[in-house]
Amino acid sequence: MIRIDEIWLATEPLDMRAGPDTALARVVKVFGAARPHCAYLFANRRGNRMKVLVHDGLGIWLCARRLNQGKFHWAGTWRGDRIELSPEQVTALVQGLPWQRLGPNAAISVV
């Protein structure tokens, strides 16, 4: 298995024709660097395709996922150009579920 310590979501769309070098260049532009054991998620404009670039410490992996129906619940640019996700949020995102309702953002506290 590939060890992944951090998972980052880019809010700006990526052309799904992009290969590993173009995706890596986008990671460096948006995140500053491709750090070992980190995954970087990108979607296309329509939100029905996703690419994930993973730096495993030795090289990079580029994976793709496409939904036949519906679209991924992606973050808007109003939250910034990148967001860190928990493993639970990524699982929900990949399944097409509203991941924003999971994790610390969904906490209810007494005011």
PDB file of N, CA and C in Angstrom:
ATOM      1  N   MET A   1       0.835  -1.191   0.000  1.00  0.00           N
ATOM      2  CA  MET A   1       0.000   0.000   0.000  1.00  0.00           C
ATOM      3  C   MET A   1       0.875   1.249   0.000  1.00  0.00           C
ATOM      4  N   ILE A   2       0.346   2.294  -0.556  1.00  0.00           N
ATOM      5  CA  ILE A   2       1.026   3.578  -0.575  1.00  0.00           C
ATOM      6  C   ILE A   2       0.628   4.338   0.679  1.00  0.00           C
ATOM      7  N   ARG A   3       1.617   4.821   1.414  1.00  0.00           N
ATOM      8  CA  ARG A   3       1.337   5.590   2.632  1.00  0.00           C
ATOM      9  C   ARG A   3       0.943   7.011   2.256  1.00  0.00           C
ATOM     10  N   ILE A   4      -0.194   7.459   2.779  1.00  0.00           N
ATOM     11  CA  ILE A   4      -0.660   8.823   2.554  1.00  0.00           C
ATOM     12  C   ILE A   4      -0.940   9.449   3.910  1.00  0.00           C
ATOM     13  N   ASP A   5      -0.174  10.497   4.235  1.00  0.00           N
ATOM     14  CA  ASP A   5      -0.337  11.185   5.513  1.00  0.00           C
ATOM     15  C   ASP A   5      -1.268  12.390   5.423  1.00  0.00           C
ATOM     16  N   GLU A   6      -1.273  13.072   4.288  1.00  0.00           N
ATOM     17  CA  GLU A   6      -2.114  14.244   4.099  1.00  0.00           C
ATOM     18  C   GLU A   6      -2.811  14.158   2.755  1.00  0.00           C
ATOM     19  N   ILE A   7      -4.056  14.655   2.715  1.00  0.00           N
ATOM     20  CA  ILE A   7      -4.839  14.659   1.486  1.00  0.00           C
ATOM     21  C   ILE A   7      -5.306  16.087   1.253  1.00  0.00           C
ATOM     22  N   TRP A   8      -4.975  16.624   0.082  1.00  0.00           N
ATOM     23  CA  TRP A   8      -5.299  18.014  -0.244  1.00  0.00           C
ATOM     24  C   TRP A   8      -6.204  18.069  -1.459  1.00  0.00           C
ATOM     25  N   LEU A   9      -7.178  18.964  -1.389  1.00  0.00           N
ATOM     26  CA  LEU A   9      -8.144  19.165  -2.463  1.00  0.00           C
ATOM     27  C   LEU A   9      -7.895  20.513  -3.106  1.00  0.00           C
ATOM     28  N   ALA A  10      -7.703  20.540  -4.412  1.00  0.00           N
ATOM     29  CA  ALA A  10      -7.560  21.805  -5.146  1.00  0.00           C
ATOM     30  C   ALA A  10      -8.942  22.240  -5.613  1.00  0.00           C
ATOM     31  N   THR A  11      -9.270  23.499  -5.428  1.00  0.00           N
ATOM     32  CA  THR A  11     -10.612  23.967  -5.762  1.00  0.00           C
ATOM     33  C   THR A  11     -10.752  24.398  -7.223  1.00  0.00           C
ATOM     34  N   GLU A  12      -9.643  24.702  -7.895  1.00  0.00           N
ATOM     35  CA  GLU A  12      -9.703  25.091  -9.308  1.00  0.00           C
ATOM     36  C   GLU A  12      -9.683  23.841 -10.186  1.00  0.00           C
ATOM     37  N   PRO A  13     -10.454  23.816 -11.279  1.00  0.00           N
ATOM     38  CA  PRO A  13     -10.513  22.623 -12.131  1.00  0.00           C
ATOM     39  C   PRO A  13      -9.200  22.357 -12.866  1.00  0.00           C
ATOM     40  N   LEU A  14      -9.011  21.087 -13.218  1.00  0.00           N
ATOM     41  CA  LEU A  14      -7.844  20.638 -13.976  1.00  0.00           C
ATOM     42  C   LEU A  14      -8.348  19.985 -15.258  1.00  0.00           C
ATOM     43  N   ASP A  15      -7.692  20.262 -16.368  1.00  0.00           N
ATOM     44  CA  ASP A  15      -8.018  19.609 -17.631  1.00  0.00           C
ATOM     45  C   ASP A  15      -7.697  18.126 -17.480  1.00  0.00           C
ATOM     46  N   MET A  16      -8.664  17.259 -17.709  1.00  0.00           N
ATOM     47  CA  MET A  16      -8.478  15.826 -17.496  1.00  0.00           C
ATOM     48  C   MET A  16      -7.580  15.184 -18.547  1.00  0.00           C
ATOM     49  N   ARG A  17      -7.185  15.927 -19.566  1.00  0.00           N
ATOM     50  CA  ARG A  17      -6.198  15.412 -20.522  1.00  0.00           C
ATOM     51  C   ARG A  17      -4.790  15.523 -19.952  1.00  0.00           C
ATOM     52  N   ALA A  18      -4.650  16.197 -18.821  1.00  0.00           N
ATOM     53  CA  ALA A  18      -3.345  16.415 -18.196  1.00  0.00           C
ATOM     54  C   ALA A  18      -2.720  15.084 -17.778  1.00  0.00           C
ATOM     55  N   GLY A  19      -1.447  14.958 -18.078  1.00  0.00           N
ATOM     56  CA  GLY A  19      -0.694  13.778 -17.678  1.00  0.00           C
ATOM     57  C   GLY A  19       0.021  14.029 -16.366  1.00  0.00           C
ATOM     58  N   PRO A  20       0.904  13.134 -15.969  1.00  0.00           N
ATOM     59  CA  PRO A  20       1.610  13.268 -14.690  1.00  0.00           C
ATOM     60  C   PRO A  20       2.429  14.551 -14.571  1.00  0.00           C
ATOM     61  N   ASP A  21       3.094  14.955 -15.642  1.00  0.00           N
ATOM     62  CA  ASP A  21       3.937  16.153 -15.570  1.00  0.00           C
ATOM     63  C   ASP A  21       3.103  17.423 -15.404  1.00  0.00           C
ATOM     64  N   THR A  22       2.000  17.513 -16.146  1.00  0.00           N
ATOM     65  CA  THR A  22       1.121  18.683 -16.032  1.00  0.00           C
ATOM     66  C   THR A  22       0.456  18.720 -14.665  1.00  0.00           C
ATOM     67  N   ALA A  23       0.001  17.575 -14.167  1.00  0.00           N
ATOM     68  CA  ALA A  23      -0.624  17.520 -12.839  1.00  0.00           C
ATOM     69  C   ALA A  23       0.398  17.887 -11.754  1.00  0.00           C
ATOM     70  N   LEU A  24       1.632  17.407 -11.902  1.00  0.00           N
ATOM     71  CA  LEU A  24       2.685  17.747 -10.942  1.00  0.00           C
ATOM     72  C   LEU A  24       2.976  19.246 -10.973  1.00  0.00           C
ATOM     73  N   ALA A  25       3.019  19.833 -12.161  1.00  0.00           N
ATOM     74  CA  ALA A  25       3.242  21.277 -12.273  1.00  0.00           C
ATOM     75  C   ALA A  25       2.116  22.050 -11.584  1.00  0.00           C
ATOM     76  N   ARG A  26       0.873  21.579 -11.703  1.00  0.00           N
ATOM     77  CA  ARG A  26      -0.255  22.235 -11.032  1.00  0.00           C
ATOM     78  C   ARG A  26      -0.137  22.109  -9.524  1.00  0.00           C
ATOM     79  N   VAL A  27       0.291  20.944  -9.032  1.00  0.00           N
ATOM     80  CA  VAL A  27       0.490  20.756  -7.590  1.00  0.00           C
ATOM     81  C   VAL A  27       1.524  21.742  -7.072  1.00  0.00           C
ATOM     82  N   VAL A  28       2.632  21.874  -7.773  1.00  0.00           N
ATOM     83  CA  VAL A  28       3.685  22.802  -7.344  1.00  0.00           C
ATOM     84  C   VAL A  28       3.163  24.235  -7.368  1.00  0.00           C
ATOM     85  N   LYS A  29       2.372  24.590  -8.376  1.00  0.00           N
ATOM     86  CA  LYS A  29       1.821  25.943  -8.472  1.00  0.00           C
ATOM     87  C   LYS A  29       0.843  26.236  -7.334  1.00  0.00           C
ATOM     88  N   VAL A  30      -0.065  25.319  -7.057  1.00  0.00           N
ATOM     89  CA  VAL A  30      -1.120  25.546  -6.061  1.00  0.00           C
ATOM     90  C   VAL A  30      -0.625  25.316  -4.636  1.00  0.00           C
ATOM     91  N   PHE A  31       0.158  24.275  -4.416  1.00  0.00           N
ATOM     92  CA  PHE A  31       0.544  23.877  -3.067  1.00  0.00           C
ATOM     93  C   PHE A  31       1.986  24.237  -2.698  1.00  0.00           C
ATOM     94  N   GLY A  32       2.746  24.733  -3.648  1.00  0.00           N
ATOM     95  CA  GLY A  32       4.121  25.130  -3.371  1.00  0.00           C
ATOM     96  C   GLY A  32       5.128  24.035  -3.628  1.00  0.00           C
ATOM     97  N   ALA A  33       4.756  22.790  -3.394  1.00  0.00           N
ATOM     98  CA  ALA A  33       5.628  21.636  -3.616  1.00  0.00           C
ATOM     99  C   ALA A  33       4.794  20.368  -3.512  1.00  0.00           C
ATOM    100  N   ALA A  34       5.286  19.302  -4.110  1.00  0.00           N
ATOM    101  CA  ALA A  34       4.666  17.988  -3.951  1.00  0.00           C
ATOM    102  C   ALA A  34       5.429  17.282  -2.838  1.00  0.00           C
ATOM    103  N   ARG A  35       4.828  17.234  -1.660  1.00  0.00           N
ATOM    104  CA  ARG A  35       5.513  16.649  -0.509  1.00  0.00           C
ATOM    105  C   ARG A  35       5.317  15.132  -0.473  1.00  0.00           C
ATOM    106  N   PRO A  36       6.328  14.397   0.008  1.00  0.00           N
ATOM    107  CA  PRO A  36       6.200  12.944   0.105  1.00  0.00           C
ATOM    108  C   PRO A  36       5.024  12.543   0.991  1.00  0.00           C
ATOM    109  N   HIS A  37       4.375  11.466   0.595  1.00  0.00           N
ATOM    110  CA  HIS A  37       3.271  10.860   1.332  1.00  0.00           C
ATOM    111  C   HIS A  37       2.055  11.779   1.418  1.00  0.00           C
ATOM    112  N   CYS A  38       1.859  12.587   0.362  1.00  0.00           N
ATOM    113  CA  CYS A  38       0.691  13.455   0.260  1.00  0.00           C
ATOM    114  C   CYS A  38      -0.050  13.129  -1.029  1.00  0.00           C
ATOM    115  N   ALA A  39      -1.371  13.266  -0.977  1.00  0.00           N
ATOM    116  CA  ALA A  39      -2.220  13.090  -2.150  1.00  0.00           C
ATOM    117  C   ALA A  39      -2.865  14.427  -2.480  1.00  0.00           C
ATOM    118  N   TYR A  40      -2.994  14.717  -3.765  1.00  0.00           N
ATOM    119  CA  TYR A  40      -3.557  15.975  -4.239  1.00  0.00           C
ATOM    120  C   TYR A  40      -4.696  15.647  -5.207  1.00  0.00           C
ATOM    121  N   LEU A  41      -5.892  16.143  -4.912  1.00  0.00           N
ATOM    122  CA  LEU A  41      -7.078  15.830  -5.693  1.00  0.00           C
ATOM    123  C   LEU A  41      -7.488  17.010  -6.557  1.00  0.00           C
ATOM    124  N   PHE A  42      -7.856  16.710  -7.813  1.00  0.00           N
ATOM    125  CA  PHE A  42      -8.325  17.709  -8.759  1.00  0.00           C
ATOM    126  C   PHE A  42      -9.562  17.189  -9.469  1.00  0.00           C
ATOM    127  N   ALA A  43     -10.465  18.082  -9.844  1.00  0.00           N
ATOM    128  CA  ALA A  43     -11.652  17.715 -10.614  1.00  0.00           C
ATOM    129  C   ALA A  43     -11.666  18.513 -11.910  1.00  0.00           C
ATOM    130  N   ASN A  44     -12.480  18.052 -12.863  1.00  0.00           N
ATOM    131  CA  ASN A  44     -12.680  18.819 -14.081  1.00  0.00           C
ATOM    132  C   ASN A  44     -13.777  19.865 -13.845  1.00  0.00           C
ATOM    133  N   ARG A  45     -14.037  20.689 -14.856  1.00  0.00           N
ATOM    134  CA  ARG A  45     -15.021  21.762 -14.708  1.00  0.00           C
ATOM    135  C   ARG A  45     -16.425  21.247 -14.422  1.00  0.00           C
ATOM    136  N   ARG A  46     -16.821  20.168 -15.078  1.00  0.00           N
ATOM    137  CA  ARG A  46     -18.171  19.627 -14.872  1.00  0.00           C
ATOM    138  C   ARG A  46     -18.319  18.890 -13.553  1.00  0.00           C
ATOM    139  N   GLY A  47     -17.199  18.502 -12.955  1.00  0.00           N
ATOM    140  CA  GLY A  47     -17.242  17.838 -11.658  1.00  0.00           C
ATOM    141  C   GLY A  47     -17.557  16.357 -11.706  1.00  0.00           C
ATOM    142  N   ASN A  48     -17.504  15.745 -12.885  1.00  0.00           N
ATOM    143  CA  ASN A  48     -17.787  14.312 -12.954  1.00  0.00           C
ATOM    144  C   ASN A  48     -16.534  13.449 -13.107  1.00  0.00           C
ATOM    145  N   ARG A  49     -15.359  14.100 -13.154  1.00  0.00           N
ATOM    146  CA  ARG A  49     -14.086  13.383 -13.240  1.00  0.00           C
ATOM    147  C   ARG A  49     -13.119  13.933 -12.199  1.00  0.00           C
ATOM    148  N   MET A  50     -12.269  13.045 -11.703  1.00  0.00           N
ATOM    149  CA  MET A  50     -11.307  13.421 -10.672  1.00  0.00           C
ATOM    150  C   MET A  50      -9.960  12.791 -11.013  1.00  0.00           C
ATOM    151  N   LYS A  51      -8.885  13.528 -10.728  1.00  0.00           N
ATOM    152  CA  LYS A  51      -7.536  12.976 -10.814  1.00  0.00           C
ATOM    153  C   LYS A  51      -6.867  13.171  -9.466  1.00  0.00           C
ATOM    154  N   VAL A  52      -6.095  12.176  -9.072  1.00  0.00           N
ATOM    155  CA  VAL A  52      -5.382  12.206  -7.802  1.00  0.00           C
ATOM    156  C   VAL A  52      -3.906  11.965  -8.092  1.00  0.00           C
ATOM    157  N   LEU A  53      -3.075  12.886  -7.644  1.00  0.00           N
ATOM    158  CA  LEU A  53      -1.637  12.742  -7.770  1.00  0.00           C
ATOM    159  C   LEU A  53      -1.092  12.426  -6.377  1.00  0.00           C
ATOM    160  N   VAL A  54      -0.326  11.341  -6.269  1.00  0.00           N
ATOM    161  CA  VAL A  54       0.238  10.917  -4.991  1.00  0.00           C
ATOM    162  C   VAL A  54       1.757  10.853  -5.131  1.00  0.00           C
ATOM    163  N   HIS A  55       2.456  11.472  -4.176  1.00  0.00           N
ATOM    164  CA  HIS A  55       3.923  11.382  -4.107  1.00  0.00           C
ATOM    165  C   HIS A  55       4.213  10.351  -3.022  1.00  0.00           C
ATOM    166  N   ASP A  56       4.764   9.206  -3.406  1.00  0.00           N
ATOM    167  CA  ASP A  56       4.985   8.117  -2.449  1.00  0.00           C
ATOM    168  C   ASP A  56       6.358   8.146  -1.790  1.00  0.00           C
ATOM    169  N   GLY A  57       7.125   9.214  -2.028  1.00  0.00           N
ATOM    170  CA  GLY A  57       8.458   9.313  -1.455  1.00  0.00           C
ATOM    171  C   GLY A  57       9.543   8.960  -2.457  1.00  0.00           C
ATOM    172  N   LEU A  58       9.189   8.213  -3.497  1.00  0.00           N
ATOM    173  CA  LEU A  58      10.136   7.823  -4.535  1.00  0.00           C
ATOM    174  C   LEU A  58       9.752   8.384  -5.902  1.00  0.00           C
ATOM    175  N   GLY A  59       8.491   8.491  -6.150  1.00  0.00           N
ATOM    176  CA  GLY A  59       7.972   8.955  -7.438  1.00  0.00           C
ATOM    177  C   GLY A  59       6.535   9.402  -7.272  1.00  0.00           C
ATOM    178  N   ILE A  60       5.853   9.588  -8.390  1.00  0.00           N
ATOM    179  CA  ILE A  60       4.466  10.022  -8.319  1.00  0.00           C
ATOM    180  C   ILE A  60       3.548   9.007  -8.998  1.00  0.00           C
ATOM    181  N   TRP A  61       2.325   8.968  -8.511  1.00  0.00           N
ATOM    182  CA  TRP A  61       1.259   8.144  -9.066  1.00  0.00           C
ATOM    183  C   TRP A  61       0.158   9.092  -9.511  1.00  0.00           C
ATOM    184  N   LEU A  62      -0.473   8.824 -10.634  1.00  0.00           N
ATOM    185  CA  LEU A  62      -1.600   9.620 -11.102  1.00  0.00           C
ATOM    186  C   LEU A  62      -2.755   8.670 -11.353  1.00  0.00           C
ATOM    187  N   CYS A  63      -3.841   8.889 -10.627  1.00  0.00           N
ATOM    188  CA  CYS A  63      -5.021   8.042 -10.723  1.00  0.00           C
ATOM    189  C   CYS A  63      -6.187   8.878 -11.224  1.00  0.00           C
ATOM    190  N   ALA A  64      -7.155   8.231 -11.851  1.00  0.00           N
ATOM    191  CA  ALA A  64      -8.334   8.935 -12.351  1.00  0.00           C
ATOM    192  C   ALA A  64      -9.592   8.187 -11.940  1.00  0.00           C
ATOM    193  N   ARG A  65     -10.681   8.950 -11.771  1.00  0.00           N
ATOM    194  CA  ARG A  65     -11.985   8.366 -11.446  1.00  0.00           C
ATOM    195  C   ARG A  65     -13.035   9.162 -12.192  1.00  0.00           C
ATOM    196  N   ARG A  66     -14.030   8.457 -12.728  1.00  0.00           N
ATOM    197  CA  ARG A  66     -15.122   9.112 -13.445  1.00  0.00           C
ATOM    198  C   ARG A  66     -16.448   8.596 -12.912  1.00  0.00           C
ATOM    199  N   LEU A  67     -17.385   9.502 -12.683  1.00  0.00           N
ATOM    200  CA  LEU A  67     -18.736   9.114 -12.310  1.00  0.00           C
ATOM    201  C   LEU A  67     -19.575   9.024 -13.577  1.00  0.00           C
ATOM    202  N   ASN A  68     -20.320   7.941 -13.743  1.00  0.00           N
ATOM    203  CA  ASN A  68     -21.187   7.801 -14.911  1.00  0.00           C
ATOM    204  C   ASN A  68     -22.436   8.653 -14.781  1.00  0.00           C
ATOM    205  N   GLN A  69     -22.870   8.893 -13.546  1.00  0.00           N
ATOM    206  CA  GLN A  69     -24.025   9.747 -13.291  1.00  0.00           C
ATOM    207  C   GLN A  69     -23.700  10.683 -12.141  1.00  0.00           C
ATOM    208  N   GLY A  70     -24.220  11.891 -12.205  1.00  0.00           N
ATOM    209  CA  GLY A  70     -24.014  12.851 -11.127  1.00  0.00           C
ATOM    210  C   GLY A  70     -22.643  13.480 -11.194  1.00  0.00           C
ATOM    211  N   LYS A  71     -22.258  14.120 -10.095  1.00  0.00           N
ATOM    212  CA  LYS A  71     -20.968  14.787 -10.038  1.00  0.00           C
ATOM    213  C   LYS A  71     -20.431  14.739  -8.624  1.00  0.00           C
ATOM    214  N   PHE A  72     -19.136  14.977  -8.508  1.00  0.00           N
ATOM    215  CA  PHE A  72     -18.502  15.023  -7.208  1.00  0.00           C
ATOM    216  C   PHE A  72     -18.903  16.318  -6.507  1.00  0.00           C
ATOM    217  N   HIS A  73     -19.062  16.263  -5.196  1.00  0.00           N
ATOM    218  CA  HIS A  73     -19.366  17.452  -4.401  1.00  0.00           C
ATOM    219  C   HIS A  73     -18.041  18.142  -4.118  1.00  0.00           C
ATOM    220  N   TRP A  74     -17.651  19.040  -5.008  1.00  0.00           N
ATOM    221  CA  TRP A  74     -16.356  19.704  -4.899  1.00  0.00           C
ATOM    222  C   TRP A  74     -16.494  20.982  -4.088  1.00  0.00           C
ATOM    223  N   ALA A  75     -15.379  21.479  -3.585  1.00  0.00           N
ATOM    224  CA  ALA A  75     -15.371  22.729  -2.818  1.00  0.00           C
ATOM    225  C   ALA A  75     -15.361  23.910  -3.773  1.00  0.00           C
ATOM    226  N   GLY A  76     -15.968  25.001  -3.341  1.00  0.00           N
ATOM    227  CA  GLY A  76     -15.952  26.220  -4.138  1.00  0.00           C
ATOM    228  C   GLY A  76     -14.696  27.025  -3.862  1.00  0.00           C
ATOM    229  N   THR A  77     -14.394  27.941  -4.747  1.00  0.00           N
ATOM    230  CA  THR A  77     -13.196  28.757  -4.578  1.00  0.00           C
ATOM    231  C   THR A  77     -13.326  29.728  -3.414  1.00  0.00           C
ATOM    232  N   TRP A  78     -14.525  29.885  -2.880  1.00  0.00           N
ATOM    233  CA  TRP A  78     -14.705  30.794  -1.748  1.00  0.00           C
ATOM    234  C   TRP A  78     -13.980  30.292  -0.515  1.00  0.00           C
ATOM    235  N   ARG A  79     -13.591  29.048  -0.480  1.00  0.00           N
ATOM    236  CA  ARG A  79     -12.882  28.492   0.671  1.00  0.00           C
ATOM    237  C   ARG A  79     -11.374  28.553   0.494  1.00  0.00           C
ATOM    238  N   GLY A  80     -10.904  29.176  -0.562  1.00  0.00           N
ATOM    239  CA  GLY A  80      -9.477  29.235  -0.834  1.00  0.00           C
ATOM    240  C   GLY A  80      -9.126  28.350  -2.013  1.00  0.00           C
ATOM    241  N   ASP A  81      -7.862  28.272  -2.323  1.00  0.00           N
ATOM    242  CA  ASP A  81      -7.443  27.480  -3.480  1.00  0.00           C
ATOM    243  C   ASP A  81      -7.099  26.042  -3.127  1.00  0.00           C
ATOM    244  N   ARG A  82      -7.100  25.706  -1.832  1.00  0.00           N
ATOM    245  CA  ARG A  82      -6.815  24.328  -1.409  1.00  0.00           C
ATOM    246  C   ARG A  82      -7.423  24.063  -0.041  1.00  0.00           C
ATOM    247  N   ILE A  83      -7.750  22.797   0.200  1.00  0.00           N
ATOM    248  CA  ILE A  83      -8.386  22.371   1.447  1.00  0.00           C
ATOM    249  C   ILE A  83      -7.784  21.029   1.844  1.00  0.00           C
ATOM    250  N   GLU A  84      -7.481  20.856   3.123  1.00  0.00           N
ATOM    251  CA  GLU A  84      -7.004  19.547   3.593  1.00  0.00           C
ATOM    252  C   GLU A  84      -8.210  18.711   3.975  1.00  0.00           C
ATOM    253  N   LEU A  85      -8.212  17.444   3.563  1.00  0.00           N
ATOM    254  CA  LEU A  85      -9.321  16.534   3.844  1.00  0.00           C
ATOM    255  C   LEU A  85      -8.878  15.394   4.748  1.00  0.00           C
ATOM    256  N   SER A  86      -9.816  14.888   5.526  1.00  0.00           N
ATOM    257  CA  SER A  86      -9.568  13.696   6.334  1.00  0.00           C
ATOM    258  C   SER A  86      -9.839  12.465   5.464  1.00  0.00           C
ATOM    259  N   PRO A  87      -9.349  11.288   5.875  1.00  0.00           N
ATOM    260  CA  PRO A  87      -9.639  10.076   5.100  1.00  0.00           C
ATOM    261  C   PRO A  87     -11.143   9.812   4.952  1.00  0.00           C
ATOM    262  N   GLU A  88     -11.925  10.123   5.975  1.00  0.00           N
ATOM    263  CA  GLU A  88     -13.372   9.938   5.905  1.00  0.00           C
ATOM    264  C   GLU A  88     -13.993  10.857   4.857  1.00  0.00           C
ATOM    265  N   GLN A  89     -13.499  12.090   4.787  1.00  0.00           N
ATOM    266  CA  GLN A  89     -14.016  13.036   3.803  1.00  0.00           C
ATOM    267  C   GLN A  89     -13.673  12.588   2.389  1.00  0.00           C
ATOM    268  N   VAL A  90     -12.477  12.043   2.183  1.00  0.00           N
ATOM    269  CA  VAL A  90     -12.089  11.558   0.855  1.00  0.00           C
ATOM    270  C   VAL A  90     -12.968  10.385   0.449  1.00  0.00           C
ATOM    271  N   THR A  91     -13.237   9.478   1.368  1.00  0.00           N
ATOM    272  CA  THR A  91     -14.103   8.336   1.076  1.00  0.00           C
ATOM    273  C   THR A  91     -15.471   8.821   0.615  1.00  0.00           C
ATOM    274  N   ALA A  92     -16.036   9.800   1.322  1.00  0.00           N
ATOM    275  CA  ALA A  92     -17.336  10.352   0.936  1.00  0.00           C
ATOM    276  C   ALA A  92     -17.252  11.039  -0.425  1.00  0.00           C
ATOM    277  N   LEU A  93     -16.196  11.825  -0.638  1.00  0.00           N
ATOM    278  CA  LEU A  93     -16.028  12.538  -1.906  1.00  0.00           C
ATOM    279  C   LEU A  93     -15.966  11.578  -3.083  1.00  0.00           C
ATOM    280  N   VAL A  94     -15.164  10.533  -2.969  1.00  0.00           N
ATOM    281  CA  VAL A  94     -14.991   9.562  -4.060  1.00  0.00           C
ATOM    282  C   VAL A  94     -16.301   8.834  -4.351  1.00  0.00           C
ATOM    283  N   GLN A  95     -17.144   8.666  -3.354  1.00  0.00           N
ATOM    284  CA  GLN A  95     -18.429   8.008  -3.547  1.00  0.00           C
ATOM    285  C   GLN A  95     -19.510   8.961  -4.036  1.00  0.00           C
ATOM    286  N   GLY A  96     -19.167  10.247  -4.178  1.00  0.00           N
ATOM    287  CA  GLY A  96     -20.132  11.222  -4.659  1.00  0.00           C
ATOM    288  C   GLY A  96     -21.032  11.779  -3.574  1.00  0.00           C
ATOM    289  N   LEU A  97     -20.638  11.625  -2.319  1.00  0.00           N
ATOM    290  CA  LEU A  97     -21.438  12.106  -1.185  1.00  0.00           C
ATOM    291  C   LEU A  97     -20.943  13.484  -0.736  1.00  0.00           C
ATOM    292  N   PRO A  98     -21.777  14.238  -0.020  1.00  0.00           N
ATOM    293  CA  PRO A  98     -21.363  15.568   0.471  1.00  0.00           C
ATOM    294  C   PRO A  98     -20.369  15.461   1.623  1.00  0.00           C
ATOM    295  N   TRP A  99     -19.093  15.453   1.301  1.00  0.00           N
ATOM    296  CA  TRP A  99     -18.013  15.274   2.280  1.00  0.00           C
ATOM    297  C   TRP A  99     -17.917  16.433   3.259  1.00  0.00           C
ATOM    298  N   GLN A 100     -18.453  17.599   2.900  1.00  0.00           N
ATOM    299  CA  GLN A 100     -18.349  18.776   3.765  1.00  0.00           C
ATOM    300  C   GLN A 100     -19.070  18.572   5.099  1.00  0.00           C
ATOM    301  N   ARG A 101     -19.947  17.602   5.171  1.00  0.00           N
ATOM    302  CA  ARG A 101     -20.701  17.341   6.410  1.00  0.00           C
ATOM    303  C   ARG A 101     -19.962  16.446   7.385  1.00  0.00           C
ATOM    304  N   LEU A 102     -18.758  16.005   7.022  1.00  0.00           N
ATOM    305  CA  LEU A 102     -17.972  15.133   7.885  1.00  0.00           C
ATOM    306  C   LEU A 102     -16.782  15.888   8.446  1.00  0.00           C
ATOM    307  N   GLY A 103     -16.247  15.407   9.544  1.00  0.00           N
ATOM    308  CA  GLY A 103     -15.036  16.004  10.118  1.00  0.00           C
ATOM    309  C   GLY A 103     -15.319  17.211  10.989  1.00  0.00           C
ATOM    310  N   PRO A 104     -14.276  17.986  11.288  1.00  0.00           N
ATOM    311  CA  PRO A 104     -14.424  19.114  12.220  1.00  0.00           C
ATOM    312  C   PRO A 104     -15.333  20.221  11.716  1.00  0.00           C
ATOM    313  N   ASN A 105     -15.537  20.332  10.403  1.00  0.00           N
ATOM    314  CA  ASN A 105     -16.423  21.368   9.874  1.00  0.00           C
ATOM    315  C   ASN A 105     -17.884  21.120  10.214  1.00  0.00           C
ATOM    316  N   ALA A 106     -18.217  19.881  10.550  1.00  0.00           N
ATOM    317  CA  ALA A 106     -19.587  19.540  10.849  1.00  0.00           C
ATOM    318  C   ALA A 106     -19.878  19.523  12.351  1.00  0.00           C
ATOM    319  N   ALA A 107     -18.900  19.936  13.156  1.00  0.00           N
ATOM    320  CA  ALA A 107     -19.068  19.904  14.608  1.00  0.00           C
ATOM    321  C   ALA A 107     -20.125  20.908  15.055  1.00  0.00           C
ATOM    322  N   ILE A 108     -20.925  20.485  16.016  1.00  0.00           N
ATOM    323  CA  ILE A 108     -21.914  21.371  16.627  1.00  0.00           C
ATOM    324  C   ILE A 108     -21.437  21.658  18.025  1.00  0.00           C
ATOM    325  N   SER A 109     -21.371  22.922  18.378  1.00  0.00           N
ATOM    326  CA  SER A 109     -20.915  23.288  19.720  1.00  0.00           C
ATOM    327  C   SER A 109     -21.876  24.306  20.318  1.00  0.00           C
ATOM    328  N   VAL A 110     -21.865  24.362  21.634  1.00  0.00           N
ATOM    329  CA  VAL A 110     -22.722  25.320  22.341  1.00  0.00           C
ATOM    330  C   VAL A 110     -22.061  26.673  22.269  1.00  0.00           C
ATOM    331  N   VAL A 111     -22.831  27.680  21.936  1.00  0.00           N
ATOM    332  CA  VAL A 111     -22.291  29.032  21.831  1.00  0.00           C
ATOM    333  C   VAL A 111     -22.455  29.748  23.149  1.00  0.00           C
TER     334      VAL A 111
END
